[in-house]
Amino acid sequence: MNQKLCSEFQDEIFINKIHENEIEELKFQISDLQKQLRLENKVESLKARIQILIDKKISINALDMAMSNLITNINRGLDRIKNHIKGEGTPMQNLTNIIDGIRGLLNTIRVTLQNITAERD
């Protein structure tokens, strides 16, 4: 009887060691999964931040186009004024309107640049 109990006890010890190894393996897998989950969360966060930067880049590109158009209009107005002063080109009806238009365009550029600076801060 004693020998049988001793044998069963040895079997239990062996089974417990197997279960302990399985438990350790499961702990290791859980640890790996937690690391993977943290990395996936970081990836999602980085994707969101990249999308924000892409959106800002697109708006900056659109802004660059708008600014380019404003500067083109300013240059066109200045050329007309210069030609008027030289007596070249088409005679202008109202030089004041052109100058006011240029002032408005410059003001638009100033406000836009202030908004960009405020967004970056």
N, C-alpha and C. Protein backbone atom coordinates (compact mmCIF):
# COMPACT_ATOMS: atom_id res chain seq x y z
N MET A 1 0.83 -1.19 0.00
CA MET A 1 0.00 0.00 0.00
C MET A 1 0.87 1.25 0.00
N ASN A 2 1.86 1.23 0.82
CA ASN A 2 2.79 2.34 0.92
C ASN A 2 3.49 2.60 -0.42
N GLN A 3 3.85 1.51 -1.07
CA GLN A 3 4.54 1.61 -2.35
C GLN A 3 3.59 2.19 -3.41
N LYS A 4 2.34 1.76 -3.37
CA LYS A 4 1.34 2.28 -4.31
C LYS A 4 1.13 3.77 -4.09
N LEU A 5 1.03 4.23 -2.86
CA LEU A 5 0.87 5.66 -2.54
C LEU A 5 2.09 6.45 -2.99
N CYS A 6 3.25 5.85 -2.78
CA CYS A 6 4.50 6.51 -3.19
C CYS A 6 4.53 6.65 -4.71
N SER A 7 4.10 5.66 -5.42
CA SER A 7 4.05 5.69 -6.88
C SER A 7 3.04 6.75 -7.36
N GLU A 8 1.87 6.78 -6.75
CA GLU A 8 0.86 7.79 -7.11
C GLU A 8 1.37 9.20 -6.82
N PHE A 9 2.09 9.29 -5.70
CA PHE A 9 2.66 10.60 -5.34
C PHE A 9 3.67 11.03 -6.39
N GLN A 10 4.53 10.12 -6.84
CA GLN A 10 5.51 10.42 -7.88
C GLN A 10 4.81 10.81 -9.18
N ASP A 11 3.71 10.11 -9.50
CA ASP A 11 2.93 10.46 -10.69
C ASP A 11 2.36 11.87 -10.58
N GLU A 12 1.85 12.21 -9.43
CA GLU A 12 1.30 13.55 -9.19
C GLU A 12 2.38 14.62 -9.32
N ILE A 13 3.56 14.31 -8.79
CA ILE A 13 4.68 15.26 -8.90
C ILE A 13 5.02 15.47 -10.37
N PHE A 14 5.07 14.38 -11.13
CA PHE A 14 5.38 14.47 -12.54
C PHE A 14 4.32 15.29 -13.29
N ILE A 15 3.05 15.01 -13.01
CA ILE A 15 1.95 15.75 -13.64
C ILE A 15 2.01 17.23 -13.26
N ASN A 16 2.30 17.53 -11.99
CA ASN A 16 2.41 18.92 -11.54
C ASN A 16 3.54 19.65 -12.27
N LYS A 17 4.67 18.96 -12.50
CA LYS A 17 5.78 19.58 -13.22
C LYS A 17 5.37 19.91 -14.65
N ILE A 18 4.64 18.98 -15.26
CA ILE A 18 4.15 19.23 -16.63
C ILE A 18 3.23 20.45 -16.63
N HIS A 19 2.32 20.50 -15.64
CA HIS A 19 1.40 21.66 -15.56
C HIS A 19 2.14 22.94 -15.26
N GLU A 20 3.16 22.88 -14.43
CA GLU A 20 3.96 24.07 -14.13
C GLU A 20 4.64 24.59 -15.39
N ASN A 21 5.17 23.66 -16.19
CA ASN A 21 5.80 24.06 -17.46
C ASN A 21 4.77 24.69 -18.40
N GLU A 22 3.58 24.10 -18.45
CA GLU A 22 2.52 24.65 -19.28
C GLU A 22 2.12 26.04 -18.79
N ILE A 23 2.04 26.18 -17.48
CA ILE A 23 1.68 27.48 -16.89
C ILE A 23 2.74 28.52 -17.24
N GLU A 24 4.00 28.15 -17.13
CA GLU A 24 5.08 29.08 -17.48
C GLU A 24 5.02 29.47 -18.95
N GLU A 25 4.74 28.49 -19.80
CA GLU A 25 4.61 28.77 -21.23
C GLU A 25 3.43 29.72 -21.48
N LEU A 26 2.33 29.51 -20.80
CA LEU A 26 1.16 30.39 -20.95
C LEU A 26 1.47 31.80 -20.45
N LYS A 27 2.20 31.89 -19.33
CA LYS A 27 2.61 33.21 -18.82
C LYS A 27 3.46 33.93 -19.86
N PHE A 28 4.37 33.20 -20.48
CA PHE A 28 5.24 33.78 -21.50
C PHE A 28 4.40 34.26 -22.69
N GLN A 29 3.43 33.44 -23.11
CA GLN A 29 2.56 33.83 -24.22
C GLN A 29 1.73 35.07 -23.87
N ILE A 30 1.23 35.12 -22.65
CA ILE A 30 0.45 36.28 -22.20
C ILE A 30 1.32 37.54 -22.24
N SER A 31 2.54 37.41 -21.77
CA SER A 31 3.47 38.55 -21.79
C SER A 31 3.71 39.02 -23.22
N ASP A 32 3.94 38.07 -24.12
CA ASP A 32 4.13 38.43 -25.53
C ASP A 32 2.90 39.11 -26.11
N LEU A 33 1.73 38.59 -25.80
CA LEU A 33 0.49 39.18 -26.32
C LEU A 33 0.27 40.60 -25.77
N GLN A 34 0.64 40.81 -24.50
CA GLN A 34 0.51 42.15 -23.92
C GLN A 34 1.46 43.12 -24.63
N LYS A 35 2.68 42.67 -24.90
CA LYS A 35 3.63 43.52 -25.63
C LYS A 35 3.10 43.83 -27.02
N GLN A 36 2.57 42.80 -27.69
CA GLN A 36 2.03 42.98 -29.04
C GLN A 36 0.86 43.95 -29.02
N LEU A 37 -0.01 43.83 -28.03
CA LEU A 37 -1.16 44.73 -27.91
C LEU A 37 -0.69 46.16 -27.70
N ARG A 38 0.31 46.36 -26.83
CA ARG A 38 0.85 47.71 -26.63
C ARG A 38 1.42 48.27 -27.92
N LEU A 39 2.13 47.41 -28.67
CA LEU A 39 2.69 47.87 -29.95
C LEU A 39 1.59 48.22 -30.95
N GLU A 40 0.54 47.40 -30.97
CA GLU A 40 -0.58 47.70 -31.88
C GLU A 40 -1.24 49.02 -31.50
N ASN A 41 -1.38 49.28 -30.21
CA ASN A 41 -1.95 50.56 -29.77
C ASN A 41 -1.06 51.72 -30.20
N LYS A 42 0.26 51.53 -30.08
CA LYS A 42 1.19 52.58 -30.51
C LYS A 42 1.08 52.80 -32.01
N VAL A 43 0.96 51.71 -32.76
CA VAL A 43 0.84 51.82 -34.22
C VAL A 43 -0.42 52.61 -34.57
N GLU A 44 -1.53 52.28 -33.93
CA GLU A 44 -2.78 53.00 -34.20
C GLU A 44 -2.64 54.48 -33.86
N SER A 45 -1.99 54.75 -32.74
CA SER A 45 -1.78 56.14 -32.33
C SER A 45 -0.90 56.87 -33.35
N LEU A 46 0.16 56.21 -33.80
CA LEU A 46 1.04 56.82 -34.80
C LEU A 46 0.32 57.03 -36.12
N LYS A 47 -0.53 56.08 -36.52
CA LYS A 47 -1.30 56.25 -37.75
C LYS A 47 -2.19 57.48 -37.66
N ALA A 48 -2.81 57.66 -36.50
CA ALA A 48 -3.69 58.83 -36.31
C ALA A 48 -2.88 60.12 -36.40
N ARG A 49 -1.70 60.12 -35.76
CA ARG A 49 -0.86 61.32 -35.81
C ARG A 49 -0.37 61.60 -37.22
N ILE A 50 -0.01 60.54 -37.95
CA ILE A 50 0.44 60.71 -39.34
C ILE A 50 -0.68 61.29 -40.18
N GLN A 51 -1.91 60.81 -39.96
CA GLN A 51 -3.04 61.32 -40.73
C GLN A 51 -3.25 62.81 -40.45
N ILE A 52 -3.08 63.20 -39.18
CA ILE A 52 -3.21 64.63 -38.83
C ILE A 52 -2.16 65.43 -39.57
N LEU A 53 -0.92 64.93 -39.59
CA LEU A 53 0.16 65.64 -40.29
C LEU A 53 -0.10 65.70 -41.79
N ILE A 54 -0.63 64.60 -42.35
CA ILE A 54 -0.95 64.60 -43.78
C ILE A 54 -2.02 65.64 -44.06
N ASP A 55 -3.05 65.68 -43.20
CA ASP A 55 -4.12 66.67 -43.39
C ASP A 55 -3.56 68.08 -43.32
N LYS A 56 -2.65 68.32 -42.36
CA LYS A 56 -2.05 69.65 -42.26
C LYS A 56 -1.22 69.95 -43.49
N LYS A 57 -0.50 68.95 -43.99
CA LYS A 57 0.33 69.14 -45.18
C LYS A 57 -0.54 69.50 -46.37
N ILE A 58 -1.68 68.81 -46.49
CA ILE A 58 -2.58 69.12 -47.59
C ILE A 58 -3.09 70.55 -47.46
N SER A 59 -3.45 70.94 -46.24
CA SER A 59 -3.95 72.30 -46.08
C SER A 59 -2.84 73.31 -46.33
N ILE A 60 -1.60 72.95 -45.97
CA ILE A 60 -0.47 73.84 -46.24
C ILE A 60 -0.26 73.94 -47.75
N ASN A 61 -0.37 72.81 -48.48
CA ASN A 61 -0.22 72.85 -49.93
C ASN A 61 -1.32 73.70 -50.55
N ALA A 62 -2.55 73.55 -50.05
CA ALA A 62 -3.65 74.36 -50.55
C ALA A 62 -3.40 75.83 -50.24
N LEU A 63 -2.87 76.07 -49.05
CA LEU A 63 -2.55 77.44 -48.65
C LEU A 63 -1.46 78.00 -49.55
N ASP A 64 -0.45 77.19 -49.87
CA ASP A 64 0.61 77.64 -50.76
C ASP A 64 0.05 78.07 -52.11
N MET A 65 -0.92 77.29 -52.61
CA MET A 65 -1.55 77.66 -53.89
C MET A 65 -2.31 78.97 -53.76
N ALA A 66 -3.05 79.11 -52.66
CA ALA A 66 -3.82 80.34 -52.45
C ALA A 66 -2.87 81.54 -52.34
N MET A 67 -1.79 81.35 -51.58
CA MET A 67 -0.81 82.44 -51.41
C MET A 67 -0.17 82.78 -52.75
N SER A 68 0.13 81.76 -53.53
CA SER A 68 0.72 81.97 -54.84
C SER A 68 -0.21 82.81 -55.71
N ASN A 69 -1.51 82.49 -55.67
CA ASN A 69 -2.49 83.28 -56.44
C ASN A 69 -2.56 84.72 -55.94
N LEU A 70 -2.54 84.88 -54.62
CA LEU A 70 -2.58 86.25 -54.07
C LEU A 70 -1.36 87.04 -54.52
N ILE A 71 -0.19 86.43 -54.43
CA ILE A 71 1.04 87.12 -54.82
C ILE A 71 1.04 87.43 -56.32
N THR A 72 0.50 86.50 -57.12
CA THR A 72 0.39 86.75 -58.56
C THR A 72 -0.49 87.96 -58.82
N ASN A 73 -1.61 88.05 -58.12
CA ASN A 73 -2.51 89.20 -58.29
C ASN A 73 -1.85 90.50 -57.85
N ILE A 74 -1.08 90.43 -56.77
CA ILE A 74 -0.37 91.63 -56.30
C ILE A 74 0.63 92.06 -57.37
N ASN A 75 1.40 91.11 -57.88
CA ASN A 75 2.38 91.45 -58.91
C ASN A 75 1.72 92.04 -60.15
N ARG A 76 0.58 91.47 -60.53
CA ARG A 76 -0.14 91.99 -61.69
C ARG A 76 -0.57 93.43 -61.44
N GLY A 77 -1.10 93.70 -60.23
CA GLY A 77 -1.52 95.07 -59.90
C GLY A 77 -0.34 96.03 -59.89
N LEU A 78 0.77 95.61 -59.32
CA LEU A 78 1.96 96.47 -59.28
C LEU A 78 2.49 96.74 -60.69
N ASP A 79 2.45 95.72 -61.55
CA ASP A 79 2.88 95.92 -62.94
C ASP A 79 1.98 96.93 -63.64
N ARG A 80 0.67 96.84 -63.39
CA ARG A 80 -0.25 97.80 -64.01
C ARG A 80 0.04 99.23 -63.55
N ILE A 81 0.32 99.37 -62.25
CA ILE A 81 0.63 100.70 -61.71
C ILE A 81 1.92 101.22 -62.34
N LYS A 82 2.94 100.34 -62.41
CA LYS A 82 4.23 100.75 -63.00
C LYS A 82 4.05 101.18 -64.45
N ASN A 83 3.28 100.38 -65.20
CA ASN A 83 3.03 100.73 -66.61
C ASN A 83 2.25 102.03 -66.73
N HIS A 84 1.33 102.28 -65.82
CA HIS A 84 0.56 103.51 -65.84
C HIS A 84 1.48 104.70 -65.59
N ILE A 85 2.38 104.54 -64.62
CA ILE A 85 3.31 105.64 -64.30
C ILE A 85 4.21 105.93 -65.50
N LYS A 86 4.65 104.87 -66.19
CA LYS A 86 5.53 105.03 -67.36
C LYS A 86 4.75 105.50 -68.59
N GLY A 87 3.43 105.44 -68.50
CA GLY A 87 2.62 105.84 -69.65
C GLY A 87 2.49 104.72 -70.66
N GLU A 88 2.75 103.49 -70.23
CA GLU A 88 2.66 102.34 -71.13
C GLU A 88 1.39 101.54 -70.81
N GLY A 89 1.05 100.61 -71.68
CA GLY A 89 -0.08 99.72 -71.41
C GLY A 89 -1.41 100.42 -71.53
N THR A 90 -2.45 99.76 -71.06
CA THR A 90 -3.80 100.32 -71.15
C THR A 90 -3.97 101.41 -70.09
N PRO A 91 -4.59 102.50 -70.47
CA PRO A 91 -4.83 103.53 -69.47
C PRO A 91 -5.77 103.00 -68.38
N MET A 92 -5.48 103.40 -67.14
CA MET A 92 -6.30 102.92 -66.02
C MET A 92 -7.30 104.00 -65.64
N GLN A 93 -8.52 103.55 -65.36
CA GLN A 93 -9.57 104.46 -64.96
C GLN A 93 -9.35 104.95 -63.55
N ASN A 94 -9.09 104.00 -62.61
CA ASN A 94 -9.01 104.40 -61.22
C ASN A 94 -7.85 103.69 -60.53
N LEU A 95 -6.75 104.39 -60.43
CA LEU A 95 -5.54 103.87 -59.80
C LEU A 95 -5.78 103.55 -58.33
N THR A 96 -6.61 104.30 -57.66
CA THR A 96 -6.90 104.09 -56.24
C THR A 96 -7.52 102.71 -56.00
N ASN A 97 -8.41 102.27 -56.89
CA ASN A 97 -9.02 100.94 -56.73
C ASN A 97 -7.99 99.82 -56.79
N ILE A 98 -7.02 99.97 -57.69
CA ILE A 98 -5.98 98.95 -57.81
C ILE A 98 -5.12 98.93 -56.55
N ILE A 99 -4.76 100.10 -56.05
CA ILE A 99 -3.94 100.19 -54.83
C ILE A 99 -4.72 99.61 -53.65
N ASP A 100 -6.00 99.93 -53.55
CA ASP A 100 -6.82 99.36 -52.47
C ASP A 100 -6.91 97.83 -52.59
N GLY A 101 -7.01 97.34 -53.82
CA GLY A 101 -7.04 95.89 -54.04
C GLY A 101 -5.75 95.23 -53.57
N ILE A 102 -4.64 95.86 -53.87
CA ILE A 102 -3.34 95.32 -53.43
C ILE A 102 -3.26 95.34 -51.91
N ARG A 103 -3.72 96.42 -51.31
CA ARG A 103 -3.74 96.48 -49.84
C ARG A 103 -4.57 95.34 -49.26
N GLY A 104 -5.72 95.07 -49.86
CA GLY A 104 -6.58 93.99 -49.39
C GLY A 104 -5.90 92.62 -49.52
N LEU A 105 -5.22 92.41 -50.64
CA LEU A 105 -4.51 91.15 -50.83
C LEU A 105 -3.38 91.00 -49.81
N LEU A 106 -2.64 92.06 -49.58
CA LEU A 106 -1.57 92.01 -48.58
C LEU A 106 -2.12 91.75 -47.18
N ASN A 107 -3.25 92.35 -46.88
CA ASN A 107 -3.89 92.13 -45.59
C ASN A 107 -4.32 90.66 -45.44
N THR A 108 -4.86 90.09 -46.52
CA THR A 108 -5.26 88.69 -46.51
C THR A 108 -4.05 87.79 -46.23
N ILE A 109 -2.93 88.09 -46.87
CA ILE A 109 -1.71 87.32 -46.64
C ILE A 109 -1.25 87.47 -45.20
N ARG A 110 -1.29 88.69 -44.67
CA ARG A 110 -0.85 88.92 -43.29
C ARG A 110 -1.71 88.12 -42.30
N VAL A 111 -3.02 88.16 -42.46
CA VAL A 111 -3.92 87.43 -41.57
C VAL A 111 -3.69 85.92 -41.68
N THR A 112 -3.53 85.44 -42.90
CA THR A 112 -3.29 84.01 -43.12
C THR A 112 -2.00 83.57 -42.43
N LEU A 113 -0.95 84.36 -42.58
CA LEU A 113 0.32 84.01 -41.93
C LEU A 113 0.20 84.06 -40.41
N GLN A 114 -0.56 85.00 -39.88
CA GLN A 114 -0.78 85.04 -38.43
C GLN A 114 -1.52 83.79 -37.96
N ASN A 115 -2.52 83.36 -38.73
CA ASN A 115 -3.26 82.15 -38.37
C ASN A 115 -2.37 80.91 -38.40
N ILE A 116 -1.49 80.83 -39.39
CA ILE A 116 -0.57 79.69 -39.47
C ILE A 116 0.36 79.69 -38.27
N THR A 117 0.89 80.85 -37.93
CA THR A 117 1.79 80.95 -36.78
C THR A 117 1.06 80.56 -35.49
N ALA A 118 -0.19 80.98 -35.36
CA ALA A 118 -0.97 80.64 -34.16
C ALA A 118 -1.23 79.14 -34.08
N GLU A 119 -1.50 78.49 -35.23
CA GLU A 119 -1.75 77.05 -35.25
C GLU A 119 -0.51 76.28 -34.87
N ARG A 120 0.65 76.74 -35.28
CA ARG A 120 1.90 76.03 -34.99
C ARG A 120 2.29 76.15 -33.53
N ASP A 121 1.88 77.24 -32.90
CA ASP A 121 2.21 77.43 -31.47
C ASP A 121 1.27 76.61 -30.65
